[in-house]
Structure formats: C-alpha cells, structure tokens
Amino acid sequence: MVVPKSLTVCLLFSSTCYSLSRFCSKLKHLDLTSCVSITNSSLKGISEGCRNLEYLNLSWCDQITKDGIEALVRGCRGLKALLLRGCTQLEDEALKHIQNYCHELVSLNLQSCSRVTDEGVVQICRGCHRLQALCLSGCSHLTDASLTALALNCPRLQILEAARCSHLTDAGFTLLARNCHDLEKMDLEECVLITDSTLIQLSVHCPKLQALSLSHCELITDDGILHLSNSTCGHEGLRVLELDNCLLITDVALEHLESCRGLERLELYDCQQVTRAGIKRMRAQLPHVKVHAYFAPVTPPTAVGGSGQRLCRCCVIL
C-alpha cells in the first residue's frame, strides 16, 4: 500500500482524522481548508500519529480553540507552516502553545483571527525565531508592540501581511525595516496611520522588497514614492505596487516610478489626482507594466432650466 505524504481533504470528521493518524504516520502535508467539522478532538487524533507533519492548513475550521492547538503542537513539533485563517475562536493562549513547541515554524497565517492581540504575537516572535512569513491581516487589535517583537526576534522575516491593522504606525515599521533586511513582500493596506516616513525606511533598509501594498494609506504622497523609486529595491527588485485610494498620489508619482525598470503591475484605483495622460506617459517608458485604474464618467451637464436629473460621477446613462 502506498502511504501518502501529501493530502488535501474537503470533507472530514474526527473518526477520519484518527484513521489518518493510524495509517498515515509519514504524512507531511495536510490541507483541511474549510473542513467545518474539524474539532479539537480531530486535532488530537492527528497529533497522536502524524508526528512528521510539516505543513497543516486549518483555514476556516472555526470550531478549533486553544485546546485543539495545544493538542496538535504537542505531537507535531516539526511543523514548519501552519495556516489558521478564519479560526475565529483562537486567542493569545493558542499562540503561546505554538511558541512552546513549534520552534521550526517558518510560516504562520493568522488572517482574521480577530481575538489575537499583541500579547499573542509577542509570544510567537519570542519562540519562533526562524519565522519568514507572517500574516496578521484583520487582527485589528494589534499595535506597534507586535512590530517591535518581530523586529527584535525574527530577522529572517520575508513576508508580512498586516492589512487592516489600523493601529500600526511609522514608529513600528521603522524598527521593523531597520532589523528585517530580507523583507520581500509587505501588505499594508488600510494601515491608515503610516506616512512617507515608512517608505523612506523601507527604501533605505529593505533592498529585496518586491511587492508592496499601500492601498487606502491616505497619508502617502508623491515624496514617499520618490524615495521608494530611487532606492535599490526600486531600481532592481520592485515588481508590484498597489496604491488604490491613495488620494494624495498624483502624476508626479508616476514620473518617479519610471525609474523602476522591473515594475510589472501598478494598482491605481480611485487615485483621483492621477490622470490618463500621466499613465500614458509612464507606460511610454515602461511599456511592459500593467496599470489598473478607474476613471469615473464625466458628470453630464444639467439640462436647460434645471429640470433634468443630475447623475453622480460613478453613474452612466444606459
């Protein structure tokens, strides 16, 4: 009988997990995304027999609590990637268990684990020094304390996703940039407090940066893009830049980006000061770049006498 080392399952029950544990002891990769029947008991079963597990995806298995995580990590101490997106019952104590046992962990996804606070992230950082990828998007309670812990404990960090973490500031990202020089991808969408200062620090200290999302970071200006464009990462590595709803960005920023010869995709939705002409000029210098933008239809004039209906800029006449 061939024993699988990788398995993706769509419908799974606790009894099935115990069967996996009994017959698939060499299993290394297990994807249980959206298996809503998974419980703490299921994880206990996996931990008892699948001790070679390195990758486990439990995204949207929303019955799992800290007790299930504790049972899991006690048995599966070699986990290198753990995806917990949408496990909404998880709190800081679950992360403490991960810290205690998963010292080989390099990738952790906590997207939409909205009960997680700085305390849990600090615990993870102190125990998982090999961490290279961390997703905290939607963990809305986090502050610069989490960024400080990352900066001081996880120098190998390459990917940070912190979308909708609206309490993070320039101070936290400054410390992060000065200590994590291998950063390649950052999602900072809706980190509404950051300014050009964060871009200056990333430009100076993170030469490997390839993808950066600043959508809805409304304090970012053309000057921040200038620093990014003139940096080593701008000249050599930057491939994707997302600036949706950055209301202070103008065509001047596009002129700065002309020096980013490796740029492949640029997002400009609802950048109201960017024009078609500005995009056209930039694409003349960077013909390979894909630019995504939206320009609302011109508001039609009011009919003579004021009796006609006036439409908003986002409406079209069919």
Protein backbone atom coordinates (compact mmCIF):
# COMPACT_ATOMS: atom_id res chain seq x y z
CA MET A 1 0.00 0.00 0.00
CA VAL A 2 1.28 3.46 -0.93
CA VAL A 3 1.25 5.77 2.07
CA PRO A 4 0.58 9.39 1.00
CA LYS A 5 2.86 12.16 2.20
CA SER A 6 0.53 14.93 1.00
CA LEU A 7 -3.23 15.09 1.30
CA THR A 8 -5.98 17.62 0.60
CA VAL A 9 -9.38 16.87 2.11
CA CYS A 10 -12.73 18.66 1.67
CA LEU A 11 -14.99 16.67 3.98
CA LEU A 12 -13.53 15.25 7.15
CA PHE A 13 -14.73 14.04 10.52
CA SER A 14 -12.95 13.22 13.75
CA SER A 15 -13.05 9.48 13.03
CA THR A 16 -11.31 10.12 9.71
CA CYS A 17 -8.56 12.06 11.48
CA TYR A 18 -7.93 9.12 13.76
CA SER A 19 -7.71 6.86 10.70
CA LEU A 20 -5.18 9.23 9.16
CA SER A 21 -3.25 9.16 12.39
CA ARG A 22 -3.21 5.38 12.43
CA PHE A 23 -2.38 4.65 8.80
CA CYS A 24 -0.52 7.77 7.53
CA SER A 25 2.27 8.21 10.02
CA LYS A 26 4.60 9.58 7.31
CA LEU A 27 2.18 12.31 6.27
CA LYS A 28 3.95 15.66 5.90
CA HIS A 29 1.44 17.91 4.09
CA LEU A 30 -2.23 18.13 5.09
CA ASP A 31 -4.76 20.67 3.79
CA LEU A 32 -8.06 20.78 5.68
CA THR A 33 -9.25 24.18 4.44
CA SER A 34 -12.94 24.82 5.23
CA CYS A 35 -13.47 21.39 6.79
CA VAL A 36 -16.00 22.84 9.19
CA SER A 37 -16.46 19.53 11.02
CA ILE A 38 -12.88 19.63 12.31
CA THR A 39 -12.83 19.93 16.10
CA ASN A 40 -10.28 19.88 18.88
CA SER A 41 -10.75 16.11 19.01
CA SER A 42 -9.78 15.90 15.32
CA LEU A 43 -6.52 17.68 16.01
CA LYS A 44 -5.80 15.40 18.93
CA GLY A 45 -6.15 12.43 16.60
CA ILE A 46 -3.79 13.96 14.04
CA SER A 47 -1.20 14.77 16.70
CA GLU A 48 -1.07 11.23 18.00
CA GLY A 49 0.02 9.60 14.76
CA CYS A 50 1.12 12.22 12.21
CA ARG A 51 4.21 13.38 14.05
CA ASN A 52 6.11 14.03 10.82
CA LEU A 53 3.64 16.71 9.72
CA GLU A 54 5.36 19.84 8.39
CA TYR A 55 2.51 21.71 6.64
CA LEU A 56 -1.02 22.00 8.00
CA ASN A 57 -3.79 24.21 6.65
CA LEU A 58 -6.72 24.63 9.04
CA SER A 59 -8.14 27.79 7.45
CA TRP A 60 -11.81 28.45 8.25
CA CYS A 61 -12.03 25.47 10.59
CA ASP A 62 -13.84 27.70 13.03
CA GLN A 63 -14.60 25.15 15.75
CA ILE A 64 -10.95 24.96 16.78
CA THR A 65 -9.93 26.53 20.09
CA LYS A 66 -6.73 26.83 22.08
CA ASP A 67 -7.21 23.29 23.42
CA GLY A 68 -7.07 21.83 19.93
CA ILE A 69 -3.96 23.83 19.08
CA GLU A 70 -2.28 22.65 22.28
CA ALA A 71 -3.01 19.00 21.47
CA LEU A 72 -1.77 19.47 17.92
CA VAL A 73 1.55 21.13 18.65
CA ARG A 74 2.42 18.77 21.49
CA GLY A 75 2.52 15.94 18.95
CA CYS A 76 3.52 17.76 15.75
CA ARG A 77 6.58 19.66 16.87
CA GLY A 78 8.17 19.70 13.42
CA LEU A 79 5.52 21.96 11.87
CA LYS A 80 7.06 24.48 9.52
CA ALA A 81 3.87 26.02 8.08
CA LEU A 82 0.60 26.50 9.96
CA LEU A 83 -2.35 28.27 8.35
CA LEU A 84 -5.12 29.34 10.72
CA ARG A 85 -7.04 31.88 8.63
CA GLY A 86 -10.54 32.44 9.88
CA CYS A 87 -10.13 30.34 13.04
CA THR A 88 -12.09 32.97 14.88
CA GLN A 89 -12.12 31.31 18.30
CA LEU A 90 -8.33 31.38 18.68
CA GLU A 91 -6.91 33.73 21.29
CA ASP A 92 -3.46 34.60 22.57
CA GLU A 93 -3.20 31.43 24.64
CA ALA A 94 -3.27 29.33 21.45
CA LEU A 95 -0.24 31.23 20.19
CA LYS A 96 1.53 30.60 23.47
CA HIS A 97 1.19 26.86 22.84
CA ILE A 98 2.66 27.29 19.34
CA GLN A 99 5.55 29.23 20.83
CA ASN A 100 6.27 26.47 23.32
CA TYR A 101 6.52 23.60 20.83
CA CYS A 102 6.92 24.78 17.20
CA HIS A 103 10.45 26.12 17.10
CA GLU A 104 10.88 25.08 13.44
CA LEU A 105 7.96 27.23 12.26
CA VAL A 106 8.76 29.44 9.26
CA SER A 107 5.24 30.39 8.08
CA LEU A 108 2.18 31.33 10.14
CA ASN A 109 -1.12 32.69 8.87
CA LEU A 110 -3.48 34.29 11.39
CA GLN A 111 -5.67 36.23 8.97
CA SER A 112 -8.98 37.28 10.53
CA CYS A 113 -8.12 35.77 13.91
CA SER A 114 -9.65 38.89 15.38
CA ARG A 115 -9.20 37.93 19.04
CA VAL A 116 -5.42 37.87 18.77
CA THR A 117 -3.64 40.78 20.46
CA ASP A 118 -0.06 41.99 20.85
CA GLU A 119 0.46 39.55 23.71
CA GLY A 120 0.00 36.55 21.43
CA VAL A 121 2.18 37.93 18.63
CA VAL A 122 4.96 38.73 21.09
CA GLN A 123 4.85 35.13 22.35
CA ILE A 124 5.13 33.77 18.80
CA CYS A 125 8.08 36.02 17.98
CA ARG A 126 9.97 35.02 21.13
CA GLY A 127 9.63 31.31 20.38
CA CYS A 128 9.77 31.16 16.57
CA HIS A 129 12.98 32.92 15.56
CA ARG A 130 13.04 31.23 12.14
CA LEU A 131 9.79 32.86 11.06
CA GLN A 132 9.92 34.01 7.42
CA ALA A 133 6.25 34.63 6.60
CA LEU A 134 3.57 36.04 8.89
CA CYS A 135 0.03 37.07 8.03
CA LEU A 136 -1.74 39.26 10.60
CA SER A 137 -4.31 40.81 8.27
CA GLY A 138 -7.55 41.55 10.03
CA CYS A 139 -6.05 41.27 13.52
CA SER A 140 -7.35 44.72 14.24
CA HIS A 141 -6.23 44.99 17.89
CA LEU A 142 -2.50 44.91 17.10
CA THR A 143 -0.21 47.86 17.78
CA ASP A 144 3.45 48.70 17.27
CA ALA A 145 4.27 46.29 20.10
CA SER A 146 3.79 43.45 17.63
CA LEU A 147 6.10 45.07 15.07
CA THR A 148 8.69 45.65 17.78
CA ALA A 149 8.61 41.97 18.73
CA LEU A 150 9.05 40.96 15.09
CA ALA A 151 11.94 43.37 14.65
CA LEU A 152 13.79 42.14 17.72
CA ASN A 153 13.20 38.41 17.31
CA CYS A 154 12.59 37.50 13.65
CA PRO A 155 15.43 38.84 11.48
CA ARG A 156 14.70 36.32 8.69
CA LEU A 157 11.23 37.71 8.01
CA GLN A 158 10.50 37.94 4.27
CA ILE A 159 6.73 38.34 4.09
CA LEU A 160 4.50 40.44 6.33
CA GLU A 161 0.79 40.86 5.67
CA ALA A 162 -0.78 43.37 8.03
CA ALA A 163 -3.79 44.65 6.08
CA ARG A 164 -6.47 46.37 8.17
CA CYS A 165 -4.18 46.66 11.21
CA SER A 166 -5.09 50.29 11.59
CA HIS A 167 -3.18 50.98 14.82
CA LEU A 168 0.28 50.34 13.34
CA THR A 169 2.42 53.45 12.86
CA ASP A 170 5.64 54.71 11.30
CA ALA A 171 7.49 54.04 14.55
CA GLY A 172 6.78 50.32 14.41
CA PHE A 173 7.62 49.96 10.74
CA THR A 174 10.81 51.97 11.20
CA LEU A 175 12.09 49.48 13.76
CA LEU A 176 10.97 46.57 11.59
CA ALA A 177 12.74 47.88 8.49
CA ARG A 178 15.97 48.52 10.40
CA ASN A 179 16.11 44.92 11.65
CA CYS A 180 14.45 42.81 8.93
CA HIS A 181 16.51 43.45 5.81
CA ASP A 182 15.21 40.40 3.91
CA LEU A 183 11.65 41.68 3.54
CA GLU A 184 10.32 40.88 0.06
CA LYS A 185 6.56 41.32 0.32
CA MET A 186 4.50 43.63 2.53
CA ASP A 187 0.75 44.13 2.57
CA LEU A 188 -0.01 47.32 4.49
CA GLU A 189 -3.47 48.00 3.08
CA GLU A 190 -5.53 50.20 5.41
CA CYS A 191 -2.62 50.84 7.76
CA VAL A 192 -4.06 54.33 7.77
CA LEU A 193 -1.56 55.93 10.16
CA ILE A 194 1.59 55.36 8.13
CA THR A 195 3.19 58.17 6.16
CA ASP A 196 6.10 58.69 3.78
CA SER A 197 8.38 58.04 6.74
CA THR A 198 7.66 54.31 6.49
CA LEU A 199 8.54 54.34 2.79
CA ILE A 200 11.80 56.15 3.50
CA GLN A 201 12.82 53.47 6.00
CA LEU A 202 11.85 50.62 3.67
CA SER A 203 13.79 52.31 0.87
CA VAL A 204 16.95 52.55 2.94
CA HIS A 205 16.91 49.22 4.77
CA CYS A 206 14.95 46.70 2.64
CA PRO A 207 16.72 46.30 -0.71
CA LYS A 208 14.97 42.99 -1.53
CA LEU A 209 11.43 44.40 -1.49
CA GLN A 210 9.44 43.11 -4.48
CA ALA A 211 5.76 43.65 -3.67
CA LEU A 212 4.22 46.43 -1.60
CA SER A 213 0.55 47.22 -0.99
CA LEU A 214 -0.26 50.69 0.32
CA SER A 215 -3.91 50.78 -0.68
CA HIS A 216 -6.03 53.10 1.46
CA CYS A 217 -2.90 54.54 3.13
CA GLU A 218 -4.18 58.03 2.52
CA LEU A 219 -1.19 59.88 4.04
CA ILE A 220 1.27 58.56 1.42
CA THR A 221 2.40 61.25 -1.02
CA ASP A 222 4.48 61.62 -4.18
CA ASP A 223 7.52 62.26 -2.00
CA GLY A 224 7.31 58.80 -0.45
CA ILE A 225 7.12 57.24 -3.90
CA LEU A 226 10.18 59.28 -4.89
CA HIS A 227 12.24 57.71 -2.10
CA LEU A 228 10.98 54.24 -2.98
CA SER A 229 11.74 54.71 -6.68
CA ASN A 230 15.27 55.98 -6.04
CA SER A 231 16.21 53.09 -3.75
CA THR A 232 17.93 49.82 -4.52
CA CYS A 233 14.66 47.93 -4.33
CA GLY A 234 13.03 50.44 -6.67
CA HIS A 235 15.77 50.15 -9.26
CA GLU A 236 16.23 46.39 -9.05
CA GLY A 237 13.52 44.43 -7.29
CA LEU A 238 10.14 46.14 -7.10
CA ARG A 239 7.58 44.20 -9.17
CA VAL A 240 4.18 45.07 -7.70
CA LEU A 241 2.98 48.34 -6.15
CA GLU A 242 -0.61 48.88 -5.02
CA LEU A 243 -1.73 52.46 -4.40
CA ASP A 244 -5.52 52.19 -4.57
CA ASN A 245 -7.27 55.05 -2.77
CA CYS A 246 -4.06 56.91 -2.01
CA LEU A 247 -5.72 60.25 -2.50
CA LEU A 248 -2.55 62.39 -2.37
CA ILE A 249 -0.81 60.50 -5.18
CA THR A 250 -0.57 62.47 -8.44
CA ASP A 251 1.01 62.08 -11.87
CA VAL A 252 4.28 63.19 -10.28
CA ALA A 253 4.48 59.81 -8.52
CA LEU A 254 4.16 58.09 -11.89
CA GLU A 255 7.12 60.09 -13.17
CA HIS A 256 9.16 58.86 -10.20
CA LEU A 257 8.16 55.26 -10.91
CA GLU A 258 9.65 55.43 -14.39
CA SER A 259 12.99 54.51 -12.80
CA CYS A 260 11.55 51.19 -11.53
CA ARG A 261 12.52 49.21 -14.58
CA GLY A 262 11.33 45.88 -13.16
CA LEU A 263 7.83 47.07 -12.24
CA GLU A 264 5.22 44.67 -13.60
CA ARG A 265 1.94 45.75 -12.02
CA LEU A 266 0.65 49.05 -10.63
CA GLU A 267 -2.74 49.50 -8.95
CA LEU A 268 -4.23 52.99 -9.04
CA TYR A 269 -7.95 52.55 -8.46
CA ASP A 270 -9.57 55.71 -7.07
CA CYS A 271 -6.37 57.75 -7.10
CA GLN A 272 -8.34 60.83 -8.02
CA GLN A 273 -5.35 63.04 -8.85
CA VAL A 274 -3.86 60.56 -11.32
CA THR A 275 -4.79 61.19 -14.95
CA ARG A 276 -4.97 59.13 -18.11
CA ALA A 277 -2.26 61.34 -19.56
CA GLY A 278 0.04 60.61 -16.63
CA ILE A 279 -0.44 56.87 -17.04
CA LYS A 280 0.20 57.14 -20.77
CA ARG A 281 3.48 58.97 -20.21
CA MET A 282 4.64 56.38 -17.70
CA ARG A 283 3.76 53.47 -19.97
CA ALA A 284 5.77 55.06 -22.76
CA GLN A 285 8.80 54.49 -20.51
CA LEU A 286 7.61 51.19 -19.02
CA PRO A 287 5.60 49.51 -21.80
CA HIS A 288 5.53 46.13 -20.04
CA VAL A 289 3.84 47.36 -16.84
CA LYS A 290 0.16 46.51 -16.28
CA VAL A 291 -1.67 49.51 -14.84
CA HIS A 292 -5.09 49.04 -13.25
CA ALA A 293 -7.03 52.26 -12.78
CA TYR A 294 -10.58 53.56 -12.90
CA PHE A 295 -11.83 56.87 -14.19
CA ALA A 296 -15.43 57.75 -13.40
CA PRO A 297 -17.59 59.02 -16.27
CA VAL A 298 -17.88 62.77 -16.57
CA THR A 299 -20.99 64.14 -14.89
CA PRO A 300 -23.38 65.25 -17.62
CA PRO A 301 -24.40 68.92 -17.56
CA THR A 302 -27.69 69.96 -16.01
CA ALA A 303 -30.45 70.33 -18.57
CA VAL A 304 -31.59 73.83 -19.52
CA GLY A 305 -33.95 75.19 -16.91
CA GLY A 306 -32.57 72.85 -14.23
CA SER A 307 -35.33 70.30 -14.71
CA GLY A 308 -33.06 67.44 -15.82
CA GLN A 309 -31.82 64.76 -13.43
CA ARG A 310 -28.18 65.15 -12.38
CA LEU A 311 -26.17 61.93 -12.09
CA CYS A 312 -23.23 61.25 -9.81
CA ARG A 313 -19.76 60.69 -11.28
CA CYS A 314 -19.98 56.93 -10.90
CA CYS A 315 -23.17 56.58 -12.93
CA VAL A 316 -23.55 56.10 -16.67
CA ILE A 317 -26.59 56.60 -18.86
CA LEU A 318 -27.76 53.31 -20.38
